Amino acid sequence: MDPIADMLTSLINAQRAQKKRVAVPYSRFKEALLATLQEQGFVSSVRTQDSPAAKLIVSLAYTEDGSPRLNGVKRLSTPGRRRYAGATQMPYNYTGFGKIIVSTSKGLMEADKAKKEKLGGELVCAIW
């Protein structure tokens, strides 16, 4: 079971159903990943809801004409097969329009930023 892939699938399914927000189980890694997605404009806002089981409430982002900003995701590194890339082997942006999120020693960041800072890390996902 991959909780990151479950969260990404929940975001895609909620946007396809034209939902305004979606709740996902809390983890610090998910919170950091969603903060990175918020910086890139794929989600509007993220807040933590404290309850017996903490959740992250994610407000989804749409364009002016109502189409979703998040059109697709691909999990690159899975629990069964981790994928790593050095600063020189970092892949290009996914299909030219998306972003690749990398987990580095300085936190989660976009692949282009990791390349500029000469950091390698685990390839988390591609988002477009």
Protein backbone atom coordinates (compact mmCIF):
# COMPACT_ATOMS: atom_id res chain seq x y z
CA MET A 1 0.00 0.00 0.00
CA ASP A 2 1.34 3.41 -1.00
CA PRO A 3 -0.18 6.32 0.96
CA ILE A 4 1.35 8.96 -1.34
CA ALA A 5 -0.15 7.34 -4.45
CA ASP A 6 -3.50 7.09 -2.62
CA MET A 7 -3.39 10.82 -1.86
CA LEU A 8 -2.50 11.76 -5.44
CA THR A 9 -5.29 9.52 -6.77
CA SER A 10 -7.76 11.15 -4.35
CA LEU A 11 -6.78 14.60 -5.67
CA ILE A 12 -7.24 13.54 -9.31
CA ASN A 13 -10.58 11.83 -8.64
CA ALA A 14 -11.91 14.82 -6.68
CA GLN A 15 -10.96 17.20 -9.49
CA ARG A 16 -12.60 14.99 -12.10
CA ALA A 17 -15.77 15.07 -9.98
CA GLN A 18 -15.49 18.90 -9.77
CA LYS A 19 -15.19 18.89 -5.96
CA LYS A 20 -14.02 22.04 -4.17
CA ARG A 21 -11.98 20.26 -1.52
CA VAL A 22 -10.87 16.81 -0.44
CA ALA A 23 -9.69 15.35 2.88
CA VAL A 24 -6.69 13.01 3.09
CA PRO A 25 -5.07 11.34 6.12
CA TYR A 26 -2.32 13.43 7.72
CA SER A 27 1.41 12.84 7.51
CA ARG A 28 4.29 15.32 7.53
CA PHE A 29 5.50 14.10 4.14
CA LYS A 30 2.05 14.57 2.59
CA GLU A 31 1.85 18.04 4.13
CA ALA A 32 5.23 18.97 2.60
CA LEU A 33 4.22 17.51 -0.78
CA LEU A 34 0.94 19.43 -0.78
CA ALA A 35 2.79 22.64 0.19
CA THR A 36 5.05 22.11 -2.84
CA LEU A 37 1.98 21.56 -5.05
CA GLN A 38 0.47 24.75 -3.63
CA GLU A 39 3.63 26.71 -4.55
CA GLN A 40 3.36 25.37 -8.11
CA GLY A 41 -0.34 26.32 -8.34
CA PHE A 42 -1.78 22.81 -8.58
CA VAL A 43 -3.83 23.19 -5.35
CA SER A 44 -5.30 26.37 -3.82
CA SER A 45 -4.74 25.82 -0.11
CA VAL A 46 -3.93 23.18 2.49
CA ARG A 47 -4.94 23.16 6.14
CA THR A 48 -4.69 20.65 8.96
CA GLN A 49 -7.84 19.50 10.73
CA ASP A 50 -7.23 18.17 14.22
CA SER A 51 -9.61 15.43 15.20
CA PRO A 52 -9.16 11.92 16.61
CA ALA A 53 -7.48 11.11 13.27
CA ALA A 54 -5.79 14.22 11.85
CA LYS A 55 -6.56 15.09 8.24
CA LEU A 56 -5.31 17.46 5.61
CA ILE A 57 -8.07 19.47 3.93
CA VAL A 58 -6.99 20.36 0.40
CA SER A 59 -8.79 23.06 -1.61
CA LEU A 60 -8.47 22.22 -5.28
CA ALA A 61 -7.43 24.73 -7.95
CA TYR A 62 -9.32 25.33 -11.18
CA THR A 63 -8.70 27.67 -14.10
CA GLU A 64 -11.03 30.55 -15.00
CA ASP A 65 -13.01 28.36 -17.41
CA GLY A 66 -13.53 25.67 -14.74
CA SER A 67 -11.03 23.08 -15.94
CA PRO A 68 -8.80 21.48 -13.29
CA ARG A 69 -5.21 22.65 -12.88
CA LEU A 70 -4.12 19.12 -11.94
CA ASN A 71 -4.65 16.93 -15.01
CA GLY A 72 -2.52 13.91 -14.21
CA VAL A 73 0.01 12.38 -11.85
CA LYS A 74 2.49 9.56 -12.02
CA ARG A 75 4.18 8.06 -8.98
CA LEU A 76 7.83 7.59 -9.95
CA SER A 77 9.24 6.03 -6.78
CA THR A 78 7.16 3.36 -5.06
CA PRO A 79 7.68 1.51 -1.76
CA GLY A 80 8.67 -1.60 -3.74
CA ARG A 81 11.03 0.21 -6.09
CA ARG A 82 12.69 3.43 -5.04
CA ARG A 83 14.07 5.64 -7.82
CA TYR A 84 16.89 8.07 -7.16
CA ALA A 85 18.65 10.56 -9.40
CA GLY A 86 21.77 12.60 -8.91
CA ALA A 87 21.91 16.28 -9.76
CA THR A 88 23.33 15.54 -13.21
CA GLN A 89 20.85 12.72 -13.99
CA MET A 90 17.73 14.67 -12.96
CA PRO A 91 14.98 14.14 -15.58
CA TYR A 92 13.46 17.02 -17.51
CA ASN A 93 9.99 18.33 -16.73
CA TYR A 94 7.35 15.79 -17.51
CA THR A 95 6.04 16.28 -21.10
CA GLY A 96 7.27 19.89 -21.01
CA PHE A 97 4.23 21.13 -19.06
CA GLY A 98 4.44 19.32 -15.74
CA LYS A 99 6.76 19.23 -12.79
CA ILE A 100 8.79 16.48 -11.19
CA ILE A 101 8.90 16.58 -7.39
CA VAL A 102 12.12 15.38 -5.76
CA SER A 103 12.82 14.59 -2.10
CA THR A 104 16.27 16.01 -1.34
CA SER A 105 18.31 16.52 1.78
CA LYS A 106 16.92 20.08 1.89
CA GLY A 107 13.29 18.97 1.62
CA LEU A 108 10.85 18.49 -1.24
CA MET A 109 11.40 20.63 -4.31
CA GLU A 110 10.92 20.74 -8.04
CA ALA A 111 13.54 18.93 -10.15
CA ASP A 112 14.72 22.14 -11.84
CA LYS A 113 15.39 23.79 -8.48
CA ALA A 114 17.23 20.67 -7.26
CA LYS A 115 19.37 20.76 -10.41
CA LYS A 116 20.27 24.41 -9.82
CA GLU A 117 21.23 23.70 -6.22
CA LYS A 118 23.19 20.61 -7.35
CA LEU A 119 21.13 18.23 -5.21
CA GLY A 120 20.03 14.71 -6.01
CA GLY A 121 17.35 12.68 -4.32
CA GLU A 122 14.36 10.39 -4.59
CA LEU A 123 12.00 11.04 -7.51
CA VAL A 124 8.62 11.27 -5.77
CA CYS A 125 6.15 11.97 -8.58
CA ALA A 126 5.47 13.75 -11.87
CA ILE A 127 2.53 16.14 -12.03
CA TRP A 128 1.02 17.84 -15.05
